[in-house]
Amino acid sequence: MDLVEIAKIVRPHGFKGGLVAKTDSGKDSALSYLTKLYLGKSPDKTTEHKVLESAWMPKGWKLELSGITTDTMAKELRTYSIYALRNDLAPVAE
């Protein structure tokens, strides 16, 4: 898999497994349209998650992902990177 790091998980959001992620691209991030993300400490050790919800907030992206259902699970992912398949990303403008 050709994965590209697009964000970092910074903290849990709420009590049902929500996450807050930071990106360098802010509200213009690919998190606005991706339907599948990969979480892990490195690109070769990730788990795949379906995006249930993504919303831009002033302090980062709020994400709800499949398989993450409690705040305890979300806390364990703090500092993990968020990756996307290179082919899923929009082409870079000239």
PDB file of N, CA and C in Angstrom:
ATOM      1  N   MET A   1       0.846  -1.192   0.000  1.00  0.00           N
ATOM      2  CA  MET A   1       0.000   0.000   0.000  1.00  0.00           C
ATOM      3  C   MET A   1       0.879   1.239   0.000  1.00  0.00           C
ATOM      4  N   ASP A   2       0.480   2.220  -0.775  1.00  0.00           N
ATOM      5  CA  ASP A   2       1.197   3.486  -0.838  1.00  0.00           C
ATOM      6  C   ASP A   2       0.452   4.515   0.006  1.00  0.00           C
ATOM      7  N   LEU A   3       0.816   4.616   1.301  1.00  0.00           N
ATOM      8  CA  LEU A   3       0.129   5.492   2.235  1.00  0.00           C
ATOM      9  C   LEU A   3       0.862   6.815   2.394  1.00  0.00           C
ATOM     10  N   VAL A   4       0.082   7.886   2.579  1.00  0.00           N
ATOM     11  CA  VAL A   4       0.604   9.230   2.788  1.00  0.00           C
ATOM     12  C   VAL A   4       0.046   9.740   4.115  1.00  0.00           C
ATOM     13  N   GLU A   5       0.927  10.275   4.972  1.00  0.00           N
ATOM     14  CA  GLU A   5       0.467  10.842   6.238  1.00  0.00           C
ATOM     15  C   GLU A   5      -0.232  12.168   5.964  1.00  0.00           C
ATOM     16  N   ILE A   6      -1.464  12.310   6.490  1.00  0.00           N
ATOM     17  CA  ILE A   6      -2.206  13.548   6.254  1.00  0.00           C
ATOM     18  C   ILE A   6      -2.577  14.288   7.539  1.00  0.00           C
ATOM     19  N   ALA A   7      -2.455  13.632   8.705  1.00  0.00           N
ATOM     20  CA  ALA A   7      -2.843  14.278   9.964  1.00  0.00           C
ATOM     21  C   ALA A   7      -2.275  13.503  11.144  1.00  0.00           C
ATOM     22  N   LYS A   8      -2.395  14.110  12.329  1.00  0.00           N
ATOM     23  CA  LYS A   8      -2.029  13.476  13.597  1.00  0.00           C
ATOM     24  C   LYS A   8      -3.228  13.551  14.529  1.00  0.00           C
ATOM     25  N   ILE A   9      -3.453  12.488  15.273  1.00  0.00           N
ATOM     26  CA  ILE A   9      -4.510  12.492  16.281  1.00  0.00           C
ATOM     27  C   ILE A   9      -3.963  13.213  17.505  1.00  0.00           C
ATOM     28  N   VAL A  10      -4.712  14.200  18.004  1.00  0.00           N
ATOM     29  CA  VAL A  10      -4.223  14.966  19.147  1.00  0.00           C
ATOM     30  C   VAL A  10      -4.966  14.680  20.445  1.00  0.00           C
ATOM     31  N   ARG A  11      -6.238  14.265  20.319  1.00  0.00           N
ATOM     32  CA  ARG A  11      -6.985  13.971  21.557  1.00  0.00           C
ATOM     33  C   ARG A  11      -8.320  13.328  21.217  1.00  0.00           C
ATOM     34  N   PRO A  12      -8.956  12.720  22.231  1.00  0.00           N
ATOM     35  CA  PRO A  12     -10.304  12.197  22.033  1.00  0.00           C
ATOM     36  C   PRO A  12     -11.305  13.362  21.973  1.00  0.00           C
ATOM     37  N   HIS A  13     -12.481  13.099  21.429  1.00  0.00           N
ATOM     38  CA  HIS A  13     -13.560  14.081  21.410  1.00  0.00           C
ATOM     39  C   HIS A  13     -14.838  13.395  21.872  1.00  0.00           C
ATOM     40  N   GLY A  14     -15.334  13.773  23.032  1.00  0.00           N
ATOM     41  CA  GLY A  14     -16.558  13.173  23.569  1.00  0.00           C
ATOM     42  C   GLY A  14     -16.304  11.814  24.196  1.00  0.00           C
ATOM     43  N   PHE A  15     -17.386  11.094  24.425  1.00  0.00           N
ATOM     44  CA  PHE A  15     -17.307   9.818  25.144  1.00  0.00           C
ATOM     45  C   PHE A  15     -17.608   8.610  24.264  1.00  0.00           C
ATOM     46  N   LYS A  16     -17.834   8.827  22.972  1.00  0.00           N
ATOM     47  CA  LYS A  16     -18.228   7.715  22.100  1.00  0.00           C
ATOM     48  C   LYS A  16     -17.164   7.395  21.060  1.00  0.00           C
ATOM     49  N   GLY A  17     -15.902   7.714  21.352  1.00  0.00           N
ATOM     50  CA  GLY A  17     -14.831   7.332  20.447  1.00  0.00           C
ATOM     51  C   GLY A  17     -14.449   8.361  19.405  1.00  0.00           C
ATOM     52  N   GLY A  18     -14.962   9.566  19.517  1.00  0.00           N
ATOM     53  CA  GLY A  18     -14.581  10.616  18.580  1.00  0.00           C
ATOM     54  C   GLY A  18     -13.126  11.030  18.762  1.00  0.00           C
ATOM     55  N   LEU A  19     -12.543  11.560  17.706  1.00  0.00           N
ATOM     56  CA  LEU A  19     -11.145  11.984  17.727  1.00  0.00           C
ATOM     57  C   LEU A  19     -11.028  13.416  17.210  1.00  0.00           C
ATOM     58  N   VAL A  20      -9.984  14.109  17.645  1.00  0.00           N
ATOM     59  CA  VAL A  20      -9.619  15.396  17.061  1.00  0.00           C
ATOM     60  C   VAL A  20      -8.259  15.216  16.416  1.00  0.00           C
ATOM     61  N   ALA A  21      -8.159  15.649  15.153  1.00  0.00           N
ATOM     62  CA  ALA A  21      -6.916  15.505  14.393  1.00  0.00           C
ATOM     63  C   ALA A  21      -6.456  16.866  13.894  1.00  0.00           C
ATOM     64  N   LYS A  22      -5.145  17.053  13.837  1.00  0.00           N
ATOM     65  CA  LYS A  22      -4.532  18.276  13.303  1.00  0.00           C
ATOM     66  C   LYS A  22      -3.914  17.975  11.953  1.00  0.00           C
ATOM     67  N   THR A  23      -4.086  18.912  11.025  1.00  0.00           N
ATOM     68  CA  THR A  23      -3.475  18.801   9.705  1.00  0.00           C
ATOM     69  C   THR A  23      -2.736  20.091   9.391  1.00  0.00           C
ATOM     70  N   ASP A  24      -1.808  20.029   8.464  1.00  0.00           N
ATOM     71  CA  ASP A  24      -1.127  21.236   8.012  1.00  0.00           C
ATOM     72  C   ASP A  24      -2.007  22.046   7.072  1.00  0.00           C
ATOM     73  N   SER A  25      -2.997  21.413   6.471  1.00  0.00           N
ATOM     74  CA  SER A  25      -3.830  22.089   5.478  1.00  0.00           C
ATOM     75  C   SER A  25      -5.131  22.655   6.047  1.00  0.00           C
ATOM     76  N   GLY A  26      -5.353  22.510   7.362  1.00  0.00           N
ATOM     77  CA  GLY A  26      -6.535  23.091   7.985  1.00  0.00           C
ATOM     78  C   GLY A  26      -7.835  22.599   7.391  1.00  0.00           C
ATOM     79  N   LYS A  27      -8.769  23.538   7.165  1.00  0.00           N
ATOM     80  CA  LYS A  27     -10.093  23.135   6.678  1.00  0.00           C
ATOM     81  C   LYS A  27     -10.092  22.666   5.230  1.00  0.00           C
ATOM     82  N   ASP A  28      -8.983  22.851   4.505  1.00  0.00           N
ATOM     83  CA  ASP A  28      -8.874  22.380   3.124  1.00  0.00           C
ATOM     84  C   ASP A  28      -8.307  20.960   3.037  1.00  0.00           C
ATOM     85  N   SER A  29      -8.252  20.273   4.145  1.00  0.00           N
ATOM     86  CA  SER A  29      -7.667  18.937   4.214  1.00  0.00           C
ATOM     87  C   SER A  29      -8.470  17.907   3.433  1.00  0.00           C
ATOM     88  N   ALA A  30      -7.791  16.843   3.044  1.00  0.00           N
ATOM     89  CA  ALA A  30      -8.441  15.703   2.394  1.00  0.00           C
ATOM     90  C   ALA A  30      -9.411  15.008   3.347  1.00  0.00           C
ATOM     91  N   LEU A  31      -9.335  15.311   4.632  1.00  0.00           N
ATOM     92  CA  LEU A  31     -10.279  14.728   5.586  1.00  0.00           C
ATOM     93  C   LEU A  31     -11.714  15.127   5.260  1.00  0.00           C
ATOM     94  N   SER A  32     -11.887  16.154   4.454  1.00  0.00           N
ATOM     95  CA  SER A  32     -13.233  16.599   4.099  1.00  0.00           C
ATOM     96  C   SER A  32     -13.927  15.647   3.128  1.00  0.00           C
ATOM     97  N   TYR A  33     -13.171  14.821   2.389  1.00  0.00           N
ATOM     98  CA  TYR A  33     -13.810  13.954   1.390  1.00  0.00           C
ATOM     99  C   TYR A  33     -13.414  12.480   1.452  1.00  0.00           C
ATOM    100  N   LEU A  34     -12.397  12.129   2.191  1.00  0.00           N
ATOM    101  CA  LEU A  34     -11.977  10.725   2.250  1.00  0.00           C
ATOM    102  C   LEU A  34     -13.010   9.869   2.983  1.00  0.00           C
ATOM    103  N   THR A  35     -13.171   8.644   2.535  1.00  0.00           N
ATOM    104  CA  THR A  35     -14.128   7.728   3.159  1.00  0.00           C
ATOM    105  C   THR A  35     -13.438   6.584   3.898  1.00  0.00           C
ATOM    106  N   LYS A  36     -12.117   6.488   3.727  1.00  0.00           N
ATOM    107  CA  LYS A  36     -11.343   5.417   4.358  1.00  0.00           C
ATOM    108  C   LYS A  36     -10.014   6.011   4.828  1.00  0.00           C
ATOM    109  N   LEU A  37      -9.669   5.754   6.094  1.00  0.00           N
ATOM    110  CA  LEU A  37      -8.413   6.239   6.657  1.00  0.00           C
ATOM    111  C   LEU A  37      -7.678   5.085   7.318  1.00  0.00           C
ATOM    112  N   TYR A  38      -6.379   5.263   7.496  1.00  0.00           N
ATOM    113  CA  TYR A  38      -5.521   4.266   8.129  1.00  0.00           C
ATOM    114  C   TYR A  38      -4.830   4.928   9.308  1.00  0.00           C
ATOM    115  N   LEU A  39      -4.904   4.297  10.492  1.00  0.00           N
ATOM    116  CA  LEU A  39      -4.298   4.844  11.701  1.00  0.00           C
ATOM    117  C   LEU A  39      -3.143   3.978  12.139  1.00  0.00           C
ATOM    118  N   GLY A  40      -2.060   4.624  12.570  1.00  0.00           N
ATOM    119  CA  GLY A  40      -0.927   3.864  13.072  1.00  0.00           C
ATOM    120  C   GLY A  40       0.231   4.746  13.465  1.00  0.00           C
ATOM    121  N   LYS A  41       1.235   4.115  14.073  1.00  0.00           N
ATOM    122  CA  LYS A  41       2.457   4.841  14.454  1.00  0.00           C
ATOM    123  C   LYS A  41       3.421   4.943  13.285  1.00  0.00           C
ATOM    124  N   SER A  42       3.232   4.088  12.274  1.00  0.00           N
ATOM    125  CA  SER A  42       4.054   4.134  11.059  1.00  0.00           C
ATOM    126  C   SER A  42       3.216   3.589   9.906  1.00  0.00           C
ATOM    127  N   PRO A  43       3.582   3.912   8.652  1.00  0.00           N
ATOM    128  CA  PRO A  43       2.772   3.470   7.514  1.00  0.00           C
ATOM    129  C   PRO A  43       2.673   1.957   7.361  1.00  0.00           C
ATOM    130  N   ASP A  44       3.644   1.218   7.875  1.00  0.00           N
ATOM    131  CA  ASP A  44       3.602  -0.234   7.711  1.00  0.00           C
ATOM    132  C   ASP A  44       2.877  -0.956   8.857  1.00  0.00           C
ATOM    133  N   LYS A  45       2.387  -0.199   9.840  1.00  0.00           N
ATOM    134  CA  LYS A  45       1.640  -0.789  10.952  1.00  0.00           C
ATOM    135  C   LYS A  45       0.381   0.043  11.189  1.00  0.00           C
ATOM    136  N   THR A  46      -0.613  -0.146  10.320  1.00  0.00           N
ATOM    137  CA  THR A  46      -1.833   0.641  10.419  1.00  0.00           C
ATOM    138  C   THR A  46      -3.064  -0.260  10.485  1.00  0.00           C
ATOM    139  N   THR A  47      -4.165   0.344  10.907  1.00  0.00           N
ATOM    140  CA  THR A  47      -5.460  -0.321  10.851  1.00  0.00           C
ATOM    141  C   THR A  47      -6.386   0.537   9.988  1.00  0.00           C
ATOM    142  N   GLU A  48      -7.221  -0.113   9.204  1.00  0.00           N
ATOM    143  CA  GLU A  48      -8.129   0.587   8.292  1.00  0.00           C
ATOM    144  C   GLU A  48      -9.437   0.918   9.006  1.00  0.00           C
ATOM    145  N   HIS A  49      -9.948   2.126   8.764  1.00  0.00           N
ATOM    146  CA  HIS A  49     -11.205   2.566   9.374  1.00  0.00           C
ATOM    147  C   HIS A  49     -12.048   3.311   8.358  1.00  0.00           C
ATOM    148  N   LYS A  50     -13.333   3.053   8.369  1.00  0.00           N
ATOM    149  CA  LYS A  50     -14.279   3.785   7.533  1.00  0.00           C
ATOM    150  C   LYS A  50     -14.606   5.104   8.234  1.00  0.00           C
ATOM    151  N   VAL A  51     -14.684   6.189   7.476  1.00  0.00           N
ATOM    152  CA  VAL A  51     -15.026   7.494   8.041  1.00  0.00           C
ATOM    153  C   VAL A  51     -16.547   7.572   8.168  1.00  0.00           C
ATOM    154  N   LEU A  52     -17.022   7.689   9.402  1.00  0.00           N
ATOM    155  CA  LEU A  52     -18.451   7.819   9.660  1.00  0.00           C
ATOM    156  C   LEU A  52     -18.868   9.288   9.651  1.00  0.00           C
ATOM    157  N   GLU A  53     -17.968  10.157  10.118  1.00  0.00           N
ATOM    158  CA  GLU A  53     -18.229  11.596  10.129  1.00  0.00           C
ATOM    159  C   GLU A  53     -16.902  12.332  10.188  1.00  0.00           C
ATOM    160  N   SER A  54     -16.821  13.440   9.468  1.00  0.00           N
ATOM    161  CA  SER A  54     -15.674  14.338   9.593  1.00  0.00           C
ATOM    162  C   SER A  54     -16.201  15.757   9.525  1.00  0.00           C
ATOM    163  N   ALA A  55     -15.730  16.594  10.444  1.00  0.00           N
ATOM    164  CA  ALA A  55     -16.200  17.971  10.508  1.00  0.00           C
ATOM    165  C   ALA A  55     -15.050  18.881  10.931  1.00  0.00           C
ATOM    166  N   TRP A  56     -14.913  19.998  10.236  1.00  0.00           N
ATOM    167  CA  TRP A  56     -13.884  20.978  10.574  1.00  0.00           C
ATOM    168  C   TRP A  56     -14.337  21.778  11.787  1.00  0.00           C
ATOM    169  N   MET A  57     -13.427  21.943  12.733  1.00  0.00           N
ATOM    170  CA  MET A  57     -13.636  22.794  13.904  1.00  0.00           C
ATOM    171  C   MET A  57     -12.423  23.724  13.980  1.00  0.00           C
ATOM    172  N   PRO A  58     -12.533  24.861  14.637  1.00  0.00           N
ATOM    173  CA  PRO A  58     -11.390  25.777  14.719  1.00  0.00           C
ATOM    174  C   PRO A  58     -10.117  25.163  15.310  1.00  0.00           C
ATOM    175  N   LYS A  59     -10.257  24.144  16.152  1.00  0.00           N
ATOM    176  CA  LYS A  59      -9.077  23.528  16.768  1.00  0.00           C
ATOM    177  C   LYS A  59      -8.656  22.239  16.095  1.00  0.00           C
ATOM    178  N   GLY A  60      -9.208  21.919  14.938  1.00  0.00           N
ATOM    179  CA  GLY A  60      -8.838  20.708  14.213  1.00  0.00           C
ATOM    180  C   GLY A  60     -10.056  19.990  13.660  1.00  0.00           C
ATOM    181  N   TRP A  61      -9.825  18.802  13.128  1.00  0.00           N
ATOM    182  CA  TRP A  61     -10.890  17.990  12.542  1.00  0.00           C
ATOM    183  C   TRP A  61     -11.477  17.047  13.573  1.00  0.00           C
ATOM    184  N   LYS A  62     -12.796  17.022  13.680  1.00  0.00           N
ATOM    185  CA  LYS A  62     -13.486  16.037  14.517  1.00  0.00           C
ATOM    186  C   LYS A  62     -13.801  14.854  13.619  1.00  0.00           C
ATOM    187  N   LEU A  63     -13.372  13.673  14.055  1.00  0.00           N
ATOM    188  CA  LEU A  63     -13.579  12.459  13.260  1.00  0.00           C
ATOM    189  C   LEU A  63     -14.297  11.405  14.076  1.00  0.00           C
ATOM    190  N   GLU A  64     -15.209  10.700  13.417  1.00  0.00           N
ATOM    191  CA  GLU A  64     -15.796   9.486  13.966  1.00  0.00           C
ATOM    192  C   GLU A  64     -15.485   8.390  12.964  1.00  0.00           C
ATOM    193  N   LEU A  65     -14.808   7.348  13.453  1.00  0.00           N
ATOM    194  CA  LEU A  65     -14.342   6.277  12.589  1.00  0.00           C
ATOM    195  C   LEU A  65     -14.892   4.933  13.047  1.00  0.00           C
ATOM    196  N   SER A  66     -15.096   4.036  12.104  1.00  0.00           N
ATOM    197  CA  SER A  66     -15.575   2.697  12.442  1.00  0.00           C
ATOM    198  C   SER A  66     -14.575   2.000  13.356  1.00  0.00           C
ATOM    199  N   GLY A  67     -15.091   1.231  14.276  1.00  0.00           N
ATOM    200  CA  GLY A  67     -14.246   0.438  15.159  1.00  0.00           C
ATOM    201  C   GLY A  67     -13.735   1.170  16.388  1.00  0.00           C
ATOM    202  N   ILE A  68     -13.956   2.474  16.470  1.00  0.00           N
ATOM    203  CA  ILE A  68     -13.529   3.255  17.642  1.00  0.00           C
ATOM    204  C   ILE A  68     -14.799   3.752  18.307  1.00  0.00           C
ATOM    205  N   THR A  69     -15.172   3.099  19.410  1.00  0.00           N
ATOM    206  CA  THR A  69     -16.492   3.341  19.985  1.00  0.00           C
ATOM    207  C   THR A  69     -16.493   3.862  21.418  1.00  0.00           C
ATOM    208  N   THR A  70     -15.316   3.982  22.036  1.00  0.00           N
ATOM    209  CA  THR A  70     -15.265   4.478  23.418  1.00  0.00           C
ATOM    210  C   THR A  70     -14.158   5.511  23.560  1.00  0.00           C
ATOM    211  N   ASP A  71     -14.268   6.326  24.593  1.00  0.00           N
ATOM    212  CA  ASP A  71     -13.213   7.311  24.838  1.00  0.00           C
ATOM    213  C   ASP A  71     -11.897   6.630  25.216  1.00  0.00           C
ATOM    214  N   THR A  72     -11.951   5.463  25.830  1.00  0.00           N
ATOM    215  CA  THR A  72     -10.734   4.721  26.166  1.00  0.00           C
ATOM    216  C   THR A  72      -9.991   4.314  24.895  1.00  0.00           C
ATOM    217  N   MET A  73     -10.720   3.818  23.910  1.00  0.00           N
ATOM    218  CA  MET A  73     -10.099   3.450  22.640  1.00  0.00           C
ATOM    219  C   MET A  73      -9.485   4.691  21.975  1.00  0.00           C
ATOM    220  N   ALA A  74     -10.211   5.799  22.010  1.00  0.00           N
ATOM    221  CA  ALA A  74      -9.723   7.038  21.398  1.00  0.00           C
ATOM    222  C   ALA A  74      -8.464   7.542  22.105  1.00  0.00           C
ATOM    223  N   LYS A  75      -8.414   7.444  23.430  1.00  0.00           N
ATOM    224  CA  LYS A  75      -7.231   7.897  24.183  1.00  0.00           C
ATOM    225  C   LYS A  75      -5.994   7.094  23.805  1.00  0.00           C
ATOM    226  N   GLU A  76      -6.153   5.809  23.523  1.00  0.00           N
ATOM    227  CA  GLU A  76      -5.023   4.962  23.146  1.00  0.00           C
ATOM    228  C   GLU A  76      -4.431   5.358  21.799  1.00  0.00           C
ATOM    229  N   LEU A  77      -5.208   6.064  20.978  1.00  0.00           N
ATOM    230  CA  LEU A  77      -4.747   6.461  19.643  1.00  0.00           C
ATOM    231  C   LEU A  77      -4.076   7.836  19.622  1.00  0.00           C
ATOM    232  N   ARG A  78      -4.057   8.518  20.762  1.00  0.00           N
ATOM    233  CA  ARG A  78      -3.414   9.825  20.829  1.00  0.00           C
ATOM    234  C   ARG A  78      -1.974   9.706  20.324  1.00  0.00           C
ATOM    235  N   THR A  79      -1.558  10.609  19.510  1.00  0.00           N
ATOM    236  CA  THR A  79      -0.231  10.683  18.858  1.00  0.00           C
ATOM    237  C   THR A  79      -0.095   9.773  17.639  1.00  0.00           C
ATOM    238  N   TYR A  80      -1.099   8.965  17.322  1.00  0.00           N
ATOM    239  CA  TYR A  80      -1.035   8.156  16.101  1.00  0.00           C
ATOM    240  C   TYR A  80      -1.143   9.077  14.890  1.00  0.00           C
ATOM    241  N   SER A  81      -0.607   8.629  13.789  1.00  0.00           N
ATOM    242  CA  SER A  81      -0.749   9.350  12.527  1.00  0.00           C
ATOM    243  C   SER A  81      -1.958   8.829  11.776  1.00  0.00           C
ATOM    244  N   ILE A  82      -2.509   9.689  10.932  1.00  0.00           N
ATOM    245  CA  ILE A  82      -3.599   9.315  10.041  1.00  0.00           C
ATOM    246  C   ILE A  82      -3.042   9.301   8.628  1.00  0.00           C
ATOM    247  N   TYR A  83      -3.261   8.194   7.950  1.00  0.00           N
ATOM    248  CA  TYR A  83      -2.748   8.002   6.591  1.00  0.00           C
ATOM    249  C   TYR A  83      -3.909   7.798   5.626  1.00  0.00           C
ATOM    250  N   ALA A  84      -3.654   8.114   4.359  1.00  0.00           N
ATOM    251  CA  ALA A  84      -4.608   7.854   3.283  1.00  0.00           C
ATOM    252  C   ALA A  84      -3.855   7.209   2.135  1.00  0.00           C
ATOM    253  N   LEU A  85      -4.578   6.437   1.344  1.00  0.00           N
ATOM    254  CA  LEU A  85      -3.975   5.880   0.138  1.00  0.00           C
ATOM    255  C   LEU A  85      -3.692   7.019  -0.844  1.00  0.00           C
ATOM    256  N   ARG A  86      -2.522   7.016  -1.421  1.00  0.00           N
ATOM    257  CA  ARG A  86      -2.138   8.073  -2.367  1.00  0.00           C
ATOM    258  C   ARG A  86      -3.170   8.191  -3.492  1.00  0.00           C
ATOM    259  N   ASN A  87      -3.685   7.070  -3.973  1.00  0.00           N
ATOM    260  CA  ASN A  87      -4.666   7.083  -5.065  1.00  0.00           C
ATOM    261  C   ASN A  87      -6.007   7.686  -4.664  1.00  0.00           C
ATOM    262  N   ASP A  88      -6.303   7.739  -3.358  1.00  0.00           N
ATOM    263  CA  ASP A  88      -7.567   8.316  -2.872  1.00  0.00           C
ATOM    264  C   ASP A  88      -7.501   9.836  -2.759  1.00  0.00           C
ATOM    265  N   LEU A  89      -6.301  10.392  -2.802  1.00  0.00           N
ATOM    266  CA  LEU A  89      -6.131  11.837  -2.642  1.00  0.00           C
ATOM    267  C   LEU A  89      -6.370  12.560  -3.978  1.00  0.00           C
ATOM    268  N   ALA A  90      -6.919  13.756  -3.883  1.00  0.00           N
ATOM    269  CA  ALA A  90      -7.146  14.567  -5.083  1.00  0.00           C
ATOM    270  C   ALA A  90      -5.800  14.938  -5.696  1.00  0.00           C
ATOM    271  N   PRO A  91      -5.743  15.065  -7.017  1.00  0.00           N
ATOM    272  CA  PRO A  91      -4.471  15.446  -7.657  1.00  0.00           C
ATOM    273  C   PRO A  91      -4.015  16.835  -7.203  1.00  0.00           C
ATOM    274  N   VAL A  92      -2.724  17.014  -7.143  1.00  0.00           N
ATOM    275  CA  VAL A  92      -2.158  18.308  -6.753  1.00  0.00           C
ATOM    276  C   VAL A  92      -2.282  19.263  -7.928  1.00  0.00           C
ATOM    277  N   ALA A  93      -2.686  20.492  -7.649  1.00  0.00           N
ATOM    278  CA  ALA A  93      -2.832  21.499  -8.706  1.00  0.00           C
ATOM    279  C   ALA A  93      -1.466  21.854  -9.299  1.00  0.00           C
ATOM    280  N   GLU A  94      -1.440  22.194 -10.551  1.00  0.00           N
ATOM    281  CA  GLU A  94      -0.190  22.574 -11.232  1.00  0.00           C
ATOM    282  C   GLU A  94       0.381  23.854 -10.667  1.00  0.00           C
TER     283      GLU A  94
END
